[in-house]
Amino acid sequence: MKLLITGASGFVGKYVVAEGLRRGHEIKAVVRPQTDVTRIPWHDHDCLELVRIDLRQQAELTAALAGVDGVIHLAAVKSGDFYDQFAGTVMATESLLAAMKTAAVSRLIAISTFSVYEYQQKRAHSLLDEDSPLVTAERVVNRDEYSQTKLIQEQLYREFEEEGGKVTILRPGMIYGREYLWHALLGAEFGSVLLQIGTRGTLPLSYVENCAEAMIITAESEAAIGQTLNIVDDHLPTQGKYTQELKKRHPAPKLYYCPWVVMKSIAGFGWWINQTFLKGGAKMPGIVVPAKLHGRFKPLRYTNQRAKTVLNWQPKYSFTESLDRSCGDGELLKV
């Protein structure tokens, strides 16, 4: 197959390109015009074509899609204000989908996120799976900009599907790996200090190499068309177990601990004060905004059974193997 992969030089994209090349595909790797890819081991691979374009340039995208069998759309913006993220996530996706229609490319592996789910209304320790409700447009305004723009992006995918697109939506959990180990589901950062919120909640983790393999298998799979699949690993660790094992292998920030129930109560009281007496006018830190707090730290259960069944996929690396690979010296991106 010939696959076009957006966000190819990003944290996840680098591994997806490498996995695609390992599995014998031709890859068109979309990167920003100014990106230096010379340090990525696959940059000069014989089956790789670098495509240096801004995703909002529809005409250039249409030309790049010539001869392509499918698209894995990873590119998104996770920082900046709403308008920055809207431009980099929503507008870029609109441009890509329009170019795909013009180029008559219908196969799309659309990478979404667990951030589109509704958390505040779920019971603690209940199961979050593909049938769980998404956050509504009315409630998502209390979440971060990433959740808001990814929810709009999913709506664009659904519209593309209704118009004849062969779409699979993948929702990975927290993707972690060598470049991203002390991640946002562990706690809130304050300079060099990490306030760890809870220790017993299960983490919806997806090791980056496992996740990359699932994305390429999805592109190869006819059975995946029309499906929405959550991508998480087997035998998921708790927050405490993850932190304990990571500290053995990797330098740790200064850690302080706050139980989930205590933080939930603090956030609820702060929200009530803000809404009741300040008419919502106070700008509150994310961890004391209940909708954001629940989205990151509420203890829930997770499953990858649907993805394993539909894709005939098995996460290759266990939790301890994933940490060992992330903290080791071996080259992970060599093809």
Protein backbone atom coordinates (compact mmCIF):
# COMPACT_ATOMS: atom_id res chain seq x y z
CA MET A 1 0.00 0.00 0.00
CA LYS A 2 0.95 3.63 -0.41
CA LEU A 3 0.04 5.56 2.74
CA LEU A 4 0.09 9.29 3.39
CA ILE A 5 0.79 10.00 7.06
CA THR A 6 0.27 13.48 8.48
CA GLY A 7 2.15 14.63 11.58
CA ALA A 8 4.93 12.26 10.50
CA SER A 9 7.72 13.94 12.47
CA GLY A 10 5.75 14.19 15.72
CA PHE A 11 6.12 11.99 18.79
CA VAL A 12 3.67 9.34 17.53
CA GLY A 13 4.08 9.95 13.81
CA LYS A 14 7.76 8.98 13.81
CA TYR A 15 6.86 5.52 15.08
CA VAL A 16 3.91 5.11 12.71
CA VAL A 17 6.12 5.87 9.71
CA ALA A 18 8.76 3.42 10.96
CA GLU A 19 6.17 0.68 11.46
CA GLY A 20 4.66 1.28 8.02
CA LEU A 21 8.08 0.96 6.40
CA ARG A 22 8.86 -2.20 8.39
CA ARG A 23 5.65 -3.75 7.11
CA GLY A 24 6.61 -3.05 3.50
CA HIS A 25 4.44 -0.04 2.67
CA GLU A 26 5.38 3.01 0.65
CA ILE A 27 5.02 6.09 2.83
CA LYS A 28 4.41 9.72 2.01
CA ALA A 29 5.40 11.45 5.23
CA VAL A 30 3.83 14.90 5.64
CA VAL A 31 5.94 17.32 7.68
CA ARG A 32 5.97 21.08 8.07
CA PRO A 33 8.15 22.91 5.54
CA GLN A 34 10.76 23.94 8.12
CA THR A 35 11.05 20.57 9.89
CA ASP A 36 14.53 19.04 10.18
CA VAL A 37 14.09 15.27 9.80
CA THR A 38 17.75 14.36 9.35
CA ARG A 39 17.98 12.97 12.90
CA ILE A 40 15.11 10.53 12.29
CA PRO A 41 16.61 7.22 11.12
CA TRP A 42 14.02 6.64 8.39
CA HIS A 43 14.42 10.07 6.73
CA ASP A 44 16.27 8.71 3.68
CA HIS A 45 14.56 5.32 3.36
CA ASP A 46 14.04 4.13 -0.22
CA CYS A 47 10.29 3.65 0.29
CA LEU A 48 9.76 7.06 1.88
CA GLU A 49 8.79 10.35 0.23
CA LEU A 50 8.93 13.49 2.35
CA VAL A 51 6.07 15.90 1.68
CA ARG A 52 6.82 19.37 3.06
CA ILE A 53 3.52 21.23 3.11
CA ASP A 54 1.19 23.17 5.38
CA LEU A 55 -1.93 21.03 5.74
CA ARG A 56 -4.09 24.09 5.17
CA GLN A 57 -2.78 24.37 1.57
CA GLN A 58 -5.46 22.30 -0.12
CA ALA A 59 -4.06 22.39 -3.67
CA GLU A 60 -0.67 21.08 -2.52
CA LEU A 61 -2.39 18.39 -0.47
CA THR A 62 -4.43 17.25 -3.44
CA ALA A 63 -1.26 16.83 -5.49
CA ALA A 64 0.42 14.91 -2.67
CA LEU A 65 -2.51 12.46 -2.53
CA ALA A 66 -1.93 11.24 -6.09
CA GLY A 67 -1.54 7.46 -6.09
CA VAL A 68 -2.26 7.14 -2.35
CA ASP A 69 -4.34 4.19 -1.09
CA GLY A 70 -5.08 5.58 2.36
CA VAL A 71 -4.39 8.36 4.83
CA ILE A 72 -3.42 8.13 8.49
CA HIS A 73 -4.25 11.54 9.93
CA LEU A 74 -2.23 12.20 13.08
CA ALA A 75 -1.56 15.92 12.82
CA ALA A 76 -3.13 18.08 15.54
CA VAL A 77 -2.15 21.05 17.68
CA LYS A 78 -2.08 20.49 21.46
CA SER A 79 -0.84 23.87 22.69
CA GLY A 80 -1.79 27.49 22.35
CA ASP A 81 -5.22 29.07 22.72
CA PHE A 82 -8.44 27.84 21.14
CA TYR A 83 -7.83 29.70 17.89
CA ASP A 84 -4.32 28.23 17.48
CA GLN A 85 -5.64 24.73 18.09
CA PHE A 86 -8.69 25.27 15.91
CA ALA A 87 -6.48 26.34 13.00
CA GLY A 88 -4.00 23.49 13.42
CA THR A 89 -6.54 20.76 14.11
CA VAL A 90 -9.94 21.64 12.66
CA MET A 91 -9.00 23.81 9.69
CA ALA A 92 -6.17 21.46 8.72
CA THR A 93 -8.59 18.52 8.83
CA GLU A 94 -11.15 20.37 6.72
CA SER A 95 -8.44 21.02 4.14
CA LEU A 96 -7.27 17.40 4.17
CA LEU A 97 -10.76 15.97 3.74
CA ALA A 98 -11.53 18.36 0.89
CA ALA A 99 -8.28 17.35 -0.82
CA MET A 100 -9.10 13.67 -0.35
CA LYS A 101 -12.46 14.18 -2.07
CA THR A 102 -10.81 15.96 -4.98
CA ALA A 103 -8.14 13.27 -5.29
CA ALA A 104 -10.74 10.47 -4.93
CA VAL A 105 -8.99 8.96 -1.89
CA SER A 106 -11.63 7.53 0.42
CA ARG A 107 -9.69 5.46 2.99
CA LEU A 108 -9.04 7.40 6.19
CA ILE A 109 -7.59 6.24 9.50
CA ALA A 110 -8.60 9.16 11.70
CA ILE A 111 -6.72 9.47 14.98
CA SER A 112 -8.88 10.86 17.74
CA THR A 113 -8.49 10.73 21.52
CA PHE A 114 -10.05 9.65 24.81
CA SER A 115 -10.52 13.38 25.44
CA VAL A 116 -13.81 13.31 23.48
CA TYR A 117 -15.53 11.11 26.09
CA GLU A 118 -17.81 12.43 28.83
CA TYR A 119 -16.12 11.87 32.19
CA GLN A 120 -17.89 14.02 34.73
CA GLN A 121 -21.17 12.10 34.38
CA LYS A 122 -19.58 8.65 34.56
CA ARG A 123 -19.48 6.71 37.81
CA ALA A 124 -16.01 6.13 39.22
CA HIS A 125 -14.63 2.66 38.41
CA SER A 126 -17.17 2.11 35.63
CA LEU A 127 -16.10 0.88 32.18
CA LEU A 128 -15.11 3.37 29.51
CA ASP A 129 -15.36 1.75 26.07
CA GLU A 130 -16.34 2.69 22.51
CA ASP A 131 -20.02 2.80 23.46
CA SER A 132 -19.50 5.35 26.24
CA PRO A 133 -21.12 8.73 25.54
CA LEU A 134 -19.09 11.59 24.14
CA VAL A 135 -19.02 14.96 25.83
CA THR A 136 -21.76 17.19 24.46
CA ALA A 137 -21.17 20.50 22.73
CA GLU A 138 -22.80 22.24 25.70
CA ARG A 139 -20.50 20.61 28.25
CA VAL A 140 -17.25 20.57 26.30
CA VAL A 141 -16.85 24.34 26.81
CA ASN A 142 -15.75 23.52 30.37
CA ARG A 143 -12.98 21.25 29.08
CA ASP A 144 -9.63 22.26 27.58
CA GLU A 145 -9.11 23.50 24.04
CA TYR A 146 -7.73 20.14 22.93
CA SER A 147 -10.96 18.35 23.87
CA GLN A 148 -13.04 21.02 22.15
CA THR A 149 -11.15 20.91 18.85
CA LYS A 150 -10.85 17.12 18.76
CA LEU A 151 -14.61 16.81 19.25
CA ILE A 152 -15.20 19.10 16.26
CA GLN A 153 -12.63 17.09 14.29
CA GLU A 154 -14.55 13.86 14.95
CA GLN A 155 -17.70 15.51 13.59
CA LEU A 156 -15.80 16.26 10.37
CA TYR A 157 -14.77 12.61 10.13
CA ARG A 158 -18.39 11.51 10.49
CA GLU A 159 -19.50 13.91 7.75
CA PHE A 160 -16.75 12.57 5.46
CA GLU A 161 -17.96 9.04 6.18
CA GLU A 162 -21.56 9.97 5.37
CA GLU A 163 -20.35 11.27 2.01
CA GLY A 164 -18.75 7.94 1.11
CA GLY A 165 -15.48 7.94 3.01
CA LYS A 166 -14.14 4.62 4.27
CA VAL A 167 -13.31 5.78 7.78
CA THR A 168 -11.91 4.14 10.88
CA ILE A 169 -11.70 6.32 13.97
CA LEU A 170 -9.00 5.26 16.43
CA ARG A 171 -9.09 6.66 19.94
CA PRO A 172 -5.80 5.91 21.69
CA GLY A 173 -5.53 6.37 25.42
CA MET A 174 -2.51 8.18 26.84
CA ILE A 175 0.31 7.41 24.43
CA TYR A 176 3.64 7.20 26.23
CA GLY A 177 7.19 6.36 25.29
CA ARG A 178 10.79 7.51 25.41
CA GLU A 179 9.92 11.14 24.62
CA TYR A 180 6.91 11.28 26.94
CA LEU A 181 7.05 9.39 30.24
CA TRP A 182 6.00 11.78 33.03
CA HIS A 183 2.66 12.47 31.40
CA ALA A 184 -0.48 14.49 32.15
CA LEU A 185 -2.52 11.63 33.66
CA LEU A 186 -0.14 11.31 36.60
CA GLY A 187 -0.67 14.75 38.08
CA ALA A 188 -0.34 18.50 37.75
CA GLU A 189 3.05 20.11 37.18
CA PHE A 190 4.13 23.15 39.17
CA GLY A 191 7.63 23.98 38.00
CA SER A 192 9.84 21.05 39.05
CA VAL A 193 7.11 19.60 41.28
CA LEU A 194 4.49 17.05 40.23
CA LEU A 195 1.33 16.91 42.34
CA GLN A 196 0.26 13.31 41.88
CA ILE A 197 -3.53 12.98 42.05
CA GLY A 198 -4.49 9.47 43.10
CA THR A 199 -2.47 6.26 43.02
CA ARG A 200 -5.05 3.47 42.63
CA GLY A 201 -6.74 4.55 39.40
CA THR A 202 -5.99 2.50 36.28
CA LEU A 203 -4.14 4.40 33.56
CA PRO A 204 -5.49 4.08 29.97
CA LEU A 205 -2.01 3.71 28.50
CA SER A 206 -0.91 2.90 24.98
CA TYR A 207 2.82 2.37 24.50
CA VAL A 208 3.83 4.25 21.36
CA GLU A 209 5.22 1.22 19.47
CA ASN A 210 2.11 -0.84 20.27
CA CYS A 211 -0.10 2.06 19.20
CA ALA A 212 1.83 2.64 15.96
CA GLU A 213 1.46 -1.01 14.99
CA ALA A 214 -2.31 -0.84 15.62
CA MET A 215 -2.56 2.20 13.33
CA ILE A 216 -0.77 0.48 10.44
CA ILE A 217 -2.76 -2.74 10.90
CA THR A 218 -5.92 -0.62 10.74
CA ALA A 219 -4.85 0.78 7.37
CA GLU A 220 -4.38 -2.80 6.13
CA SER A 221 -7.72 -4.03 7.46
CA GLU A 222 -10.97 -4.08 5.48
CA ALA A 223 -12.78 -5.21 8.63
CA ALA A 224 -11.83 -1.94 10.35
CA ILE A 225 -13.75 0.25 7.89
CA GLY A 226 -16.68 1.91 9.63
CA GLN A 227 -15.39 1.05 13.10
CA THR A 228 -14.47 3.20 16.09
CA LEU A 229 -11.80 1.54 18.20
CA ASN A 230 -10.15 2.38 21.50
CA ILE A 231 -6.43 1.59 21.58
CA VAL A 232 -4.95 0.72 24.97
CA ASP A 233 -2.46 -1.89 26.14
CA ASP A 234 -3.06 -5.11 28.04
CA HIS A 235 -2.69 -5.36 31.83
CA LEU A 236 -2.85 -1.64 32.47
CA PRO A 237 -1.02 -0.35 35.56
CA THR A 238 -2.38 1.88 38.28
CA GLN A 239 -0.99 5.38 38.72
CA GLY A 240 1.03 4.18 41.69
CA LYS A 241 2.46 1.17 39.88
CA TYR A 242 3.42 3.26 36.86
CA THR A 243 5.18 5.86 39.01
CA GLN A 244 6.93 3.20 41.09
CA GLU A 245 8.28 1.36 38.03
CA LEU A 246 9.23 4.53 36.17
CA LYS A 247 11.21 5.90 39.14
CA LYS A 248 13.40 2.79 38.99
CA ARG A 249 14.38 3.62 35.40
CA HIS A 250 14.09 7.37 34.88
CA PRO A 251 14.82 10.57 36.85
CA ALA A 252 11.71 11.66 38.72
CA PRO A 253 10.42 15.15 39.48
CA LYS A 254 9.75 16.06 43.09
CA LEU A 255 6.48 14.25 43.87
CA TYR A 256 3.70 15.25 46.22
CA TYR A 257 0.51 13.28 46.63
CA CYS A 258 -3.17 14.23 46.88
CA PRO A 259 -5.93 11.58 47.04
CA TRP A 260 -8.49 11.67 44.21
CA VAL A 261 -11.45 12.13 46.57
CA VAL A 262 -9.77 15.10 48.27
CA MET A 263 -8.92 16.80 44.98
CA LYS A 264 -12.43 16.14 43.67
CA SER A 265 -13.92 17.81 46.75
CA ILE A 266 -11.58 20.81 46.46
CA ALA A 267 -12.46 21.26 42.79
CA GLY A 268 -16.18 20.94 43.43
CA PHE A 269 -16.11 23.52 46.23
CA GLY A 270 -13.95 25.92 44.20
CA TRP A 271 -16.30 25.61 41.23
CA TRP A 272 -19.34 26.31 43.45
CA ILE A 273 -17.67 29.40 44.91
CA ASN A 274 -16.74 30.67 41.45
CA GLN A 275 -20.18 30.12 39.97
CA THR A 276 -22.17 31.30 43.00
CA PHE A 277 -20.30 34.40 44.09
CA LEU A 278 -18.10 35.34 41.13
CA LYS A 279 -20.54 34.47 38.31
CA GLY A 280 -17.87 32.21 36.80
CA GLY A 281 -15.52 35.14 36.34
CA ALA A 282 -12.47 33.71 38.10
CA LYS A 283 -9.93 31.94 35.89
CA MET A 284 -9.30 28.69 37.72
CA PRO A 285 -6.33 26.32 37.34
CA GLY A 286 -7.27 23.23 35.36
CA ILE A 287 -7.08 20.82 38.30
CA VAL A 288 -9.78 22.73 40.18
CA VAL A 289 -12.15 22.81 37.22
CA PRO A 290 -14.25 19.66 37.77
CA ALA A 291 -14.76 18.86 34.07
CA LYS A 292 -11.00 18.99 33.43
CA LEU A 293 -10.10 17.19 36.64
CA HIS A 294 -12.48 14.29 35.95
CA GLY A 295 -11.20 14.00 32.39
CA ARG A 296 -7.64 13.43 33.58
CA PHE A 297 -7.86 11.64 36.90
CA LYS A 298 -11.21 9.94 37.51
CA PRO A 299 -10.55 6.24 38.22
CA LEU A 300 -12.21 4.13 35.51
CA ARG A 301 -11.81 0.75 33.80
CA TYR A 302 -10.74 0.27 30.17
CA THR A 303 -10.75 -2.45 27.53
CA ASN A 304 -9.03 -3.09 24.19
CA GLN A 305 -11.14 -6.12 23.30
CA ARG A 306 -12.91 -4.60 20.30
CA ALA A 307 -9.64 -3.45 18.71
CA LYS A 308 -8.04 -6.86 19.28
CA THR A 309 -11.01 -8.64 17.72
CA VAL A 310 -11.53 -6.36 14.70
CA LEU A 311 -7.84 -5.87 13.88
CA ASN A 312 -6.57 -9.29 14.98
CA TRP A 313 -4.04 -7.22 16.91
CA GLN A 314 -2.16 -7.98 20.10
CA PRO A 315 -0.03 -5.33 21.84
CA LYS A 316 3.52 -6.52 21.24
CA TYR A 317 5.18 -5.10 24.36
CA SER A 318 4.08 -5.51 27.98
CA PHE A 319 4.12 -2.64 30.44
CA THR A 320 7.55 -3.53 31.88
CA GLU A 321 8.99 -4.19 28.40
CA SER A 322 7.63 -0.84 27.23
CA LEU A 323 9.30 1.00 30.10
CA ASP A 324 12.56 -0.89 29.54
CA ARG A 325 12.54 0.07 25.85
CA SER A 326 11.64 3.68 26.65
CA CYS A 327 14.44 4.04 29.19
CA GLY A 328 17.04 2.00 27.35
CA ASP A 329 19.67 3.02 24.82
CA GLY A 330 18.45 0.99 21.85
CA GLU A 331 17.38 2.69 18.58
CA LEU A 332 13.60 2.32 18.30
CA LEU A 333 13.03 4.02 14.94
CA LYS A 334 15.55 2.20 12.79
CA VAL A 335 13.91 0.42 9.87
